[in-house]
């Protein structure tokens, strides 16, 4: 098992509540720099950043047409429309 990660991505349809609460807390306590939830239910990507004492201090939501840049690799762009399922 790795001891740290730049990014963890969960894809959620039926596990959304678990990914937001349980896994969000676990990743917040671990050495994870950034946590994304590809939320199939609402058609968005939730981005959690800035961990402090196990809690995420920043949460943003991104929709089709948006682009996300990772904190660890700001030159890498991820288009939201490419990671969400087709309409």
PDB file of N, CA and C in Angstrom:
ATOM      1  N   UNK A   1       0.838  -1.185   0.000  1.00  0.00           N
ATOM      2  CA  UNK A   1       0.000   0.000   0.000  1.00  0.00           C
ATOM      3  C   UNK A   1       0.879   1.243   0.000  1.00  0.00           C
ATOM      4  N   UNK A   2       0.524   2.221  -0.807  1.00  0.00           N
ATOM      5  CA  UNK A   2       1.311   3.455  -0.789  1.00  0.00           C
ATOM      6  C   UNK A   2       1.089   4.218   0.515  1.00  0.00           C
ATOM      7  N   UNK A   3       2.059   5.033   0.863  1.00  0.00           N
ATOM      8  CA  UNK A   3       1.943   5.825   2.084  1.00  0.00           C
ATOM      9  C   UNK A   3       1.440   7.237   1.815  1.00  0.00           C
ATOM     10  N   UNK A   4       1.424   7.636   0.542  1.00  0.00           N
ATOM     11  CA  UNK A   4       0.918   8.964   0.190  1.00  0.00           C
ATOM     12  C   UNK A   4       0.429   8.944  -1.255  1.00  0.00           C
ATOM     13  N   UNK A   5      -0.349   9.967  -1.628  1.00  0.00           N
ATOM     14  CA  UNK A   5      -0.844  10.070  -3.003  1.00  0.00           C
ATOM     15  C   UNK A   5      -1.074  11.531  -3.343  1.00  0.00           C
ATOM     16  N   UNK A   6      -0.774  11.877  -4.578  1.00  0.00           N
ATOM     17  CA  UNK A   6      -1.059  13.231  -5.045  1.00  0.00           C
ATOM     18  C   UNK A   6      -2.556  13.418  -5.267  1.00  0.00           C
ATOM     19  N   UNK A   7      -3.208  12.346  -5.728  1.00  0.00           N
ATOM     20  CA  UNK A   7      -4.620  12.437  -6.097  1.00  0.00           C
ATOM     21  C   UNK A   7      -5.279  11.080  -5.942  1.00  0.00           C
ATOM     22  N   UNK A   8      -6.499  11.096  -5.382  1.00  0.00           N
ATOM     23  CA  UNK A   8      -7.354   9.911  -5.357  1.00  0.00           C
ATOM     24  C   UNK A   8      -8.659  10.311  -6.038  1.00  0.00           C
ATOM     25  N   UNK A   9      -9.137   9.444  -6.945  1.00  0.00           N
ATOM     26  CA  UNK A   9     -10.390   9.701  -7.659  1.00  0.00           C
ATOM     27  C   UNK A   9     -11.344   8.553  -7.389  1.00  0.00           C
ATOM     28  N   UNK A  10     -12.542   8.873  -6.938  1.00  0.00           N
ATOM     29  CA  UNK A  10     -13.607   7.891  -6.759  1.00  0.00           C
ATOM     30  C   UNK A  10     -14.688   8.198  -7.795  1.00  0.00           C
ATOM     31  N   UNK A  11     -15.239   7.162  -8.387  1.00  0.00           N
ATOM     32  CA  UNK A  11     -16.366   7.311  -9.318  1.00  0.00           C
ATOM     33  C   UNK A  11     -17.602   6.833  -8.577  1.00  0.00           C
ATOM     34  N   UNK A  12     -18.587   7.729  -8.458  1.00  0.00           N
ATOM     35  CA  UNK A  12     -19.726   7.441  -7.587  1.00  0.00           C
ATOM     36  C   UNK A  12     -21.047   7.506  -8.336  1.00  0.00           C
ATOM     37  N   UNK A  13     -21.816   6.476  -8.162  1.00  0.00           N
ATOM     38  CA  UNK A  13     -23.207   6.465  -8.601  1.00  0.00           C
ATOM     39  C   UNK A  13     -24.055   6.093  -7.388  1.00  0.00           C
ATOM     40  N   UNK A  14     -23.886   4.894  -6.902  1.00  0.00           N
ATOM     41  CA  UNK A  14     -24.641   4.459  -5.722  1.00  0.00           C
ATOM     42  C   UNK A  14     -23.857   4.654  -4.424  1.00  0.00           C
ATOM     43  N   UNK A  15     -22.568   4.974  -4.526  1.00  0.00           N
ATOM     44  CA  UNK A  15     -21.723   5.099  -3.335  1.00  0.00           C
ATOM     45  C   UNK A  15     -21.443   6.552  -2.950  1.00  0.00           C
ATOM     46  N   UNK A  16     -22.210   7.485  -3.473  1.00  0.00           N
ATOM     47  CA  UNK A  16     -21.926   8.906  -3.280  1.00  0.00           C
ATOM     48  C   UNK A  16     -21.847   9.305  -1.809  1.00  0.00           C
ATOM     49  N   UNK A  17     -22.803   8.888  -1.025  1.00  0.00           N
ATOM     50  CA  UNK A  17     -22.811   9.234   0.408  1.00  0.00           C
ATOM     51  C   UNK A  17     -21.553   8.697   1.097  1.00  0.00           C
ATOM     52  N   UNK A  18     -21.203   7.457   0.822  1.00  0.00           N
ATOM     53  CA  UNK A  18     -20.014   6.833   1.420  1.00  0.00           C
ATOM     54  C   UNK A  18     -18.734   7.546   0.957  1.00  0.00           C
ATOM     55  N   UNK A  19     -18.686   7.910  -0.325  1.00  0.00           N
ATOM     56  CA  UNK A  19     -17.493   8.581  -0.845  1.00  0.00           C
ATOM     57  C   UNK A  19     -17.317   9.968  -0.233  1.00  0.00           C
ATOM     58  N   UNK A  20     -18.418  10.673  -0.011  1.00  0.00           N
ATOM     59  CA  UNK A  20     -18.336  12.016   0.588  1.00  0.00           C
ATOM     60  C   UNK A  20     -17.974  11.949   2.064  1.00  0.00           C
ATOM     61  N   UNK A  21     -18.574  11.041   2.775  1.00  0.00           N
ATOM     62  CA  UNK A  21     -18.393  11.014   4.229  1.00  0.00           C
ATOM     63  C   UNK A  21     -17.237  10.118   4.651  1.00  0.00           C
ATOM     64  N   UNK A  22     -17.424   8.827   4.575  1.00  0.00           N
ATOM     65  CA  UNK A  22     -16.427   7.884   5.085  1.00  0.00           C
ATOM     66  C   UNK A  22     -15.092   8.002   4.347  1.00  0.00           C
ATOM     67  N   UNK A  23     -15.121   7.874   3.033  1.00  0.00           N
ATOM     68  CA  UNK A  23     -13.863   7.917   2.289  1.00  0.00           C
ATOM     69  C   UNK A  23     -13.244   9.308   2.323  1.00  0.00           C
ATOM     70  N   UNK A  24     -14.066  10.337   2.311  1.00  0.00           N
ATOM     71  CA  UNK A  24     -13.549  11.695   2.403  1.00  0.00           C
ATOM     72  C   UNK A  24     -12.758  11.909   3.685  1.00  0.00           C
ATOM     73  N   UNK A  25     -13.270  11.386   4.782  1.00  0.00           N
ATOM     74  CA  UNK A  25     -12.571  11.489   6.067  1.00  0.00           C
ATOM     75  C   UNK A  25     -11.291  10.669   6.040  1.00  0.00           C
ATOM     76  N   UNK A  26     -11.366   9.436   5.545  1.00  0.00           N
ATOM     77  CA  UNK A  26     -10.175   8.580   5.493  1.00  0.00           C
ATOM     78  C   UNK A  26      -9.071   9.205   4.653  1.00  0.00           C
ATOM     79  N   UNK A  27      -9.433   9.733   3.488  1.00  0.00           N
ATOM     80  CA  UNK A  27      -8.420  10.370   2.638  1.00  0.00           C
ATOM     81  C   UNK A  27      -7.920  11.665   3.265  1.00  0.00           C
ATOM     82  N   UNK A  28      -8.776  12.354   3.984  1.00  0.00           N
ATOM     83  CA  UNK A  28      -8.356  13.563   4.678  1.00  0.00           C
ATOM     84  C   UNK A  28      -7.343  13.288   5.777  1.00  0.00           C
ATOM     85  N   UNK A  29      -7.473  12.144   6.434  1.00  0.00           N
ATOM     86  CA  UNK A  29      -6.534  11.751   7.484  1.00  0.00           C
ATOM     87  C   UNK A  29      -5.245  11.162   6.919  1.00  0.00           C
ATOM     88  N   UNK A  30      -5.316  10.623   5.703  1.00  0.00           N
ATOM     89  CA  UNK A  30      -4.153  10.013   5.059  1.00  0.00           C
ATOM     90  C   UNK A  30      -3.325  11.095   4.363  1.00  0.00           C
ATOM     91  N   UNK A  31      -2.244  10.688   3.805  1.00  0.00           N
ATOM     92  CA  UNK A  31      -1.374  11.614   3.067  1.00  0.00           C
ATOM     93  C   UNK A  31      -1.845  11.730   1.614  1.00  0.00           C
ATOM     94  N   UNK A  32      -3.061  12.211   1.434  1.00  0.00           N
ATOM     95  CA  UNK A  32      -3.635  12.428   0.106  1.00  0.00           C
ATOM     96  C   UNK A  32      -3.722  13.933  -0.092  1.00  0.00           C
ATOM     97  N   UNK A  33      -3.107  14.439  -1.156  1.00  0.00           N
ATOM     98  CA  UNK A  33      -3.083  15.881  -1.388  1.00  0.00           C
ATOM     99  C   UNK A  33      -4.394  16.421  -1.941  1.00  0.00           C
ATOM    100  N   UNK A  34      -5.089  15.579  -2.700  1.00  0.00           N
ATOM    101  CA  UNK A  34      -6.284  16.049  -3.405  1.00  0.00           C
ATOM    102  C   UNK A  34      -7.213  14.855  -3.637  1.00  0.00           C
ATOM    103  N   UNK A  35      -8.513  15.089  -3.540  1.00  0.00           N
ATOM    104  CA  UNK A  35      -9.506  14.020  -3.651  1.00  0.00           C
ATOM    105  C   UNK A  35     -10.615  14.494  -4.581  1.00  0.00           C
ATOM    106  N   UNK A  36     -10.895  13.710  -5.617  1.00  0.00           N
ATOM    107  CA  UNK A  36     -11.956  14.031  -6.575  1.00  0.00           C
ATOM    108  C   UNK A  36     -13.034  12.955  -6.509  1.00  0.00           C
ATOM    109  N   UNK A  37     -14.288  13.377  -6.611  1.00  0.00           N
ATOM    110  CA  UNK A  37     -15.401  12.444  -6.766  1.00  0.00           C
ATOM    111  C   UNK A  37     -16.054  12.741  -8.112  1.00  0.00           C
ATOM    112  N   UNK A  38     -16.014  11.767  -9.011  1.00  0.00           N
ATOM    113  CA  UNK A  38     -16.728  11.870 -10.280  1.00  0.00           C
ATOM    114  C   UNK A  38     -18.160  11.458  -9.966  1.00  0.00           C
ATOM    115  N   UNK A  39     -19.011  12.447  -9.821  1.00  0.00           N
ATOM    116  CA  UNK A  39     -20.375  12.276  -9.328  1.00  0.00           C
ATOM    117  C   UNK A  39     -21.326  12.055 -10.508  1.00  0.00           C
ATOM    118  N   UNK A  40     -21.621  10.801 -10.790  1.00  0.00           N
ATOM    119  CA  UNK A  40     -22.517  10.456 -11.902  1.00  0.00           C
ATOM    120  C   UNK A  40     -23.955  10.886 -11.631  1.00  0.00           C
ATOM    121  N   UNK A  41     -24.350  10.946 -10.390  1.00  0.00           N
ATOM    122  CA  UNK A  41     -25.722  11.288 -10.022  1.00  0.00           C
ATOM    123  C   UNK A  41     -26.057  12.716 -10.446  1.00  0.00           C
ATOM    124  N   UNK A  42     -25.165  13.659 -10.136  1.00  0.00           N
ATOM    125  CA  UNK A  42     -25.409  15.068 -10.431  1.00  0.00           C
ATOM    126  C   UNK A  42     -24.676  15.561 -11.676  1.00  0.00           C
ATOM    127  N   UNK A  43     -23.856  14.695 -12.277  1.00  0.00           N
ATOM    128  CA  UNK A  43     -23.135  15.057 -13.492  1.00  0.00           C
ATOM    129  C   UNK A  43     -22.064  16.113 -13.262  1.00  0.00           C
ATOM    130  N   UNK A  44     -21.348  16.003 -12.144  1.00  0.00           N
ATOM    131  CA  UNK A  44     -20.296  16.960 -11.802  1.00  0.00           C
ATOM    132  C   UNK A  44     -19.089  16.217 -11.235  1.00  0.00           C
ATOM    133  N   UNK A  45     -18.000  16.955 -11.060  1.00  0.00           N
ATOM    134  CA  UNK A  45     -16.831  16.431 -10.363  1.00  0.00           C
ATOM    135  C   UNK A  45     -16.609  17.317  -9.143  1.00  0.00           C
ATOM    136  N   UNK A  46     -16.573  16.691  -7.983  1.00  0.00           N
ATOM    137  CA  UNK A  46     -16.325  17.395  -6.732  1.00  0.00           C
ATOM    138  C   UNK A  46     -14.834  17.300  -6.437  1.00  0.00           C
ATOM    139  N   UNK A  47     -14.226  18.425  -6.136  1.00  0.00           N
ATOM    140  CA  UNK A  47     -12.787  18.466  -5.870  1.00  0.00           C
ATOM    141  C   UNK A  47     -12.568  18.937  -4.435  1.00  0.00           C
ATOM    142  N   UNK A  48     -11.835  18.126  -3.682  1.00  0.00           N
ATOM    143  CA  UNK A  48     -11.522  18.430  -2.282  1.00  0.00           C
ATOM    144  C   UNK A  48     -10.022  18.667  -2.174  1.00  0.00           C
ATOM    145  N   UNK A  49      -9.668  19.800  -1.556  1.00  0.00           N
ATOM    146  CA  UNK A  49      -8.256  20.176  -1.417  1.00  0.00           C
ATOM    147  C   UNK A  49      -8.015  20.813  -0.054  1.00  0.00           C
ATOM    148  N   UNK A  50      -6.755  21.015   0.245  1.00  0.00           N
ATOM    149  CA  UNK A  50      -6.318  21.736   1.439  1.00  0.00           C
ATOM    150  C   UNK A  50      -6.733  21.012   2.724  1.00  0.00           C
ATOM    151  N   UNK A  51      -6.081  19.888   2.972  1.00  0.00           N
ATOM    152  CA  UNK A  51      -6.326  19.096   4.174  1.00  0.00           C
ATOM    153  C   UNK A  51      -5.795  19.795   5.406  1.00  0.00           C
ATOM    154  N   UNK A  52      -6.535  19.677   6.489  1.00  0.00           N
ATOM    155  CA  UNK A  52      -6.048  20.183   7.772  1.00  0.00           C
ATOM    156  C   UNK A  52      -6.708  19.364   8.877  1.00  0.00           C
ATOM    157  N   UNK A  53      -5.884  18.662   9.648  1.00  0.00           N
ATOM    158  CA  UNK A  53      -6.382  17.822  10.748  1.00  0.00           C
ATOM    159  C   UNK A  53      -7.484  16.873  10.295  1.00  0.00           C
ATOM    160  N   UNK A  54      -7.310  16.293   9.121  1.00  0.00           N
ATOM    161  CA  UNK A  54      -8.260  15.293   8.632  1.00  0.00           C
ATOM    162  C   UNK A  54      -9.479  15.843   7.929  1.00  0.00           C
ATOM    163  N   UNK A  55      -9.590  17.148   7.838  1.00  0.00           N
ATOM    164  CA  UNK A  55     -10.753  17.729   7.160  1.00  0.00           C
ATOM    165  C   UNK A  55     -10.300  18.516   5.942  1.00  0.00           C
ATOM    166  N   UNK A  56     -11.146  18.505   4.925  1.00  0.00           N
ATOM    167  CA  UNK A  56     -10.880  19.259   3.706  1.00  0.00           C
ATOM    168  C   UNK A  56     -11.424  20.666   3.884  1.00  0.00           C
ATOM    169  N   UNK A  57     -10.574  21.654   3.678  1.00  0.00           N
ATOM    170  CA  UNK A  57     -11.003  23.040   3.857  1.00  0.00           C
ATOM    171  C   UNK A  57     -11.537  23.663   2.575  1.00  0.00           C
ATOM    172  N   UNK A  58     -11.271  23.024   1.447  1.00  0.00           N
ATOM    173  CA  UNK A  58     -11.750  23.573   0.181  1.00  0.00           C
ATOM    174  C   UNK A  58     -12.499  22.496  -0.594  1.00  0.00           C
ATOM    175  N   UNK A  59     -13.718  22.826  -1.026  1.00  0.00           N
ATOM    176  CA  UNK A  59     -14.512  21.929  -1.877  1.00  0.00           C
ATOM    177  C   UNK A  59     -15.067  22.762  -3.022  1.00  0.00           C
ATOM    178  N   UNK A  60     -14.781  22.331  -4.243  1.00  0.00           N
ATOM    179  CA  UNK A  60     -15.328  22.997  -5.417  1.00  0.00           C
ATOM    180  C   UNK A  60     -16.052  21.961  -6.272  1.00  0.00           C
ATOM    181  N   UNK A  61     -17.004  22.431  -7.048  1.00  0.00           N
ATOM    182  CA  UNK A  61     -17.775  21.551  -7.934  1.00  0.00           C
ATOM    183  C   UNK A  61     -17.583  22.043  -9.359  1.00  0.00           C
ATOM    184  N   UNK A  62     -17.324  21.094 -10.251  1.00  0.00           N
ATOM    185  CA  UNK A  62     -17.032  21.427 -11.652  1.00  0.00           C
ATOM    186  C   UNK A  62     -17.980  20.678 -12.578  1.00  0.00           C
ATOM    187  N   UNK A  63     -18.397  21.353 -13.654  1.00  0.00           N
ATOM    188  CA  UNK A  63     -19.351  20.772 -14.596  1.00  0.00           C
ATOM    189  C   UNK A  63     -18.736  20.655 -15.984  1.00  0.00           C
ATOM    190  N   UNK A  64     -19.489  20.058 -16.877  1.00  0.00           N
ATOM    191  CA  UNK A  64     -19.055  19.952 -18.273  1.00  0.00           C
ATOM    192  C   UNK A  64     -18.660  21.340 -18.777  1.00  0.00           C
ATOM    193  N   UNK A  65     -17.589  21.394 -19.526  1.00  0.00           N
ATOM    194  CA  UNK A  65     -17.067  22.661 -20.013  1.00  0.00           C
ATOM    195  C   UNK A  65     -15.948  23.213 -19.142  1.00  0.00           C
ATOM    196  N   UNK A  66     -15.880  22.762 -17.881  1.00  0.00           N
ATOM    197  CA  UNK A  66     -14.813  23.193 -16.978  1.00  0.00           C
ATOM    198  C   UNK A  66     -13.574  22.338 -17.187  1.00  0.00           C
ATOM    199  N   UNK A  67     -12.458  22.866 -16.748  1.00  0.00           N
ATOM    200  CA  UNK A  67     -11.180  22.158 -16.770  1.00  0.00           C
ATOM    201  C   UNK A  67     -10.597  22.234 -15.361  1.00  0.00           C
ATOM    202  N   UNK A  68     -10.045  21.120 -14.879  1.00  0.00           N
ATOM    203  CA  UNK A  68      -9.414  21.084 -13.559  1.00  0.00           C
ATOM    204  C   UNK A  68      -7.908  20.906 -13.759  1.00  0.00           C
ATOM    205  N   UNK A  69      -7.153  21.592 -12.937  1.00  0.00           N
ATOM    206  CA  UNK A  69      -5.705  21.405 -12.903  1.00  0.00           C
ATOM    207  C   UNK A  69      -5.346  20.863 -11.515  1.00  0.00           C
ATOM    208  N   UNK A  70      -4.544  19.819 -11.511  1.00  0.00           N
ATOM    209  CA  UNK A  70      -4.119  19.243 -10.240  1.00  0.00           C
ATOM    210  C   UNK A  70      -3.180  20.194  -9.514  1.00  0.00           C
ATOM    211  N   UNK A  71      -3.243  20.205  -8.201  1.00  0.00           N
ATOM    212  CA  UNK A  71      -2.352  21.036  -7.408  1.00  0.00           C
ATOM    213  C   UNK A  71      -0.898  20.601  -7.619  1.00  0.00           C
ATOM    214  N   UNK A  72      -0.647  19.310  -7.586  1.00  0.00           N
ATOM    215  CA  UNK A  72       0.719  18.790  -7.698  1.00  0.00           C
ATOM    216  C   UNK A  72       1.304  18.948  -9.100  1.00  0.00           C
ATOM    217  N   UNK A  73       0.444  18.973 -10.113  1.00  0.00           N
ATOM    218  CA  UNK A  73       0.883  19.075 -11.503  1.00  0.00           C
ATOM    219  C   UNK A  73       0.018  20.107 -12.224  1.00  0.00           C
ATOM    220  N   UNK A  74       0.235  21.389 -11.989  1.00  0.00           N
ATOM    221  CA  UNK A  74      -0.648  22.422 -12.531  1.00  0.00           C
ATOM    222  C   UNK A  74      -0.636  22.528 -14.052  1.00  0.00           C
ATOM    223  N   UNK A  75       0.352  21.941 -14.696  1.00  0.00           N
ATOM    224  CA  UNK A  75       0.384  21.970 -16.156  1.00  0.00           C
ATOM    225  C   UNK A  75      -0.479  20.870 -16.783  1.00  0.00           C
ATOM    226  N   UNK A  76      -1.007  19.959 -15.974  1.00  0.00           N
ATOM    227  CA  UNK A  76      -1.886  18.891 -16.459  1.00  0.00           C
ATOM    228  C   UNK A  76      -3.336  19.357 -16.331  1.00  0.00           C
ATOM    229  N   UNK A  77      -4.045  19.373 -17.463  1.00  0.00           N
ATOM    230  CA  UNK A  77      -5.448  19.781 -17.476  1.00  0.00           C
ATOM    231  C   UNK A  77      -6.336  18.565 -17.708  1.00  0.00           C
ATOM    232  N   UNK A  78      -7.440  18.515 -16.978  1.00  0.00           N
ATOM    233  CA  UNK A  78      -8.420  17.442 -17.142  1.00  0.00           C
ATOM    234  C   UNK A  78      -9.754  18.085 -17.462  1.00  0.00           C
ATOM    235  N   UNK A  79     -10.288  17.796 -18.643  1.00  0.00           N
ATOM    236  CA  UNK A  79     -11.588  18.324 -19.048  1.00  0.00           C
ATOM    237  C   UNK A  79     -12.690  17.496 -18.396  1.00  0.00           C
ATOM    238  N   UNK A  80     -13.596  18.157 -17.699  1.00  0.00           N
ATOM    239  CA  UNK A  80     -14.668  17.465 -17.000  1.00  0.00           C
ATOM    240  C   UNK A  80     -15.498  16.624 -17.959  1.00  0.00           C
ATOM    241  N   UNK A  81     -15.773  17.134 -19.130  1.00  0.00           N
ATOM    242  CA  UNK A  81     -16.606  16.400 -20.092  1.00  0.00           C
ATOM    243  C   UNK A  81     -15.955  15.082 -20.528  1.00  0.00           C
ATOM    244  N   UNK A  82     -14.640  14.962 -20.347  1.00  0.00           N
ATOM    245  CA  UNK A  82     -13.962  13.723 -20.720  1.00  0.00           C
ATOM    246  C   UNK A  82     -14.000  12.661 -19.637  1.00  0.00           C
ATOM    247  N   UNK A  83     -14.340  13.041 -18.412  1.00  0.00           N
ATOM    248  CA  UNK A  83     -14.368  12.034 -17.352  1.00  0.00           C
ATOM    249  C   UNK A  83     -15.775  11.733 -16.851  1.00  0.00           C
ATOM    250  N   UNK A  84     -16.758  12.504 -17.317  1.00  0.00           N
ATOM    251  CA  UNK A  84     -18.159  12.198 -17.001  1.00  0.00           C
ATOM    252  C   UNK A  84     -18.717  11.295 -18.093  1.00  0.00           C
ATOM    253  N   UNK A  85     -19.738  10.498 -17.776  1.00  0.00           N
ATOM    254  CA  UNK A  85     -20.329   9.667 -18.814  1.00  0.00           C
ATOM    255  C   UNK A  85     -21.035  10.542 -19.856  1.00  0.00           C
ATOM    256  N   UNK A  86     -21.176  10.040 -21.076  1.00  0.00           N
ATOM    257  CA  UNK A  86     -21.844  10.830 -22.119  1.00  0.00           C
ATOM    258  C   UNK A  86     -23.282  11.138 -21.747  1.00  0.00           C
ATOM    259  N   UNK A  87     -23.796  12.251 -22.242  1.00  0.00           N
ATOM    260  CA  UNK A  87     -25.192  12.631 -21.970  1.00  0.00           C
ATOM    261  C   UNK A  87     -26.156  11.755 -22.734  1.00  0.00           C
TER     262      UNK A  87
END
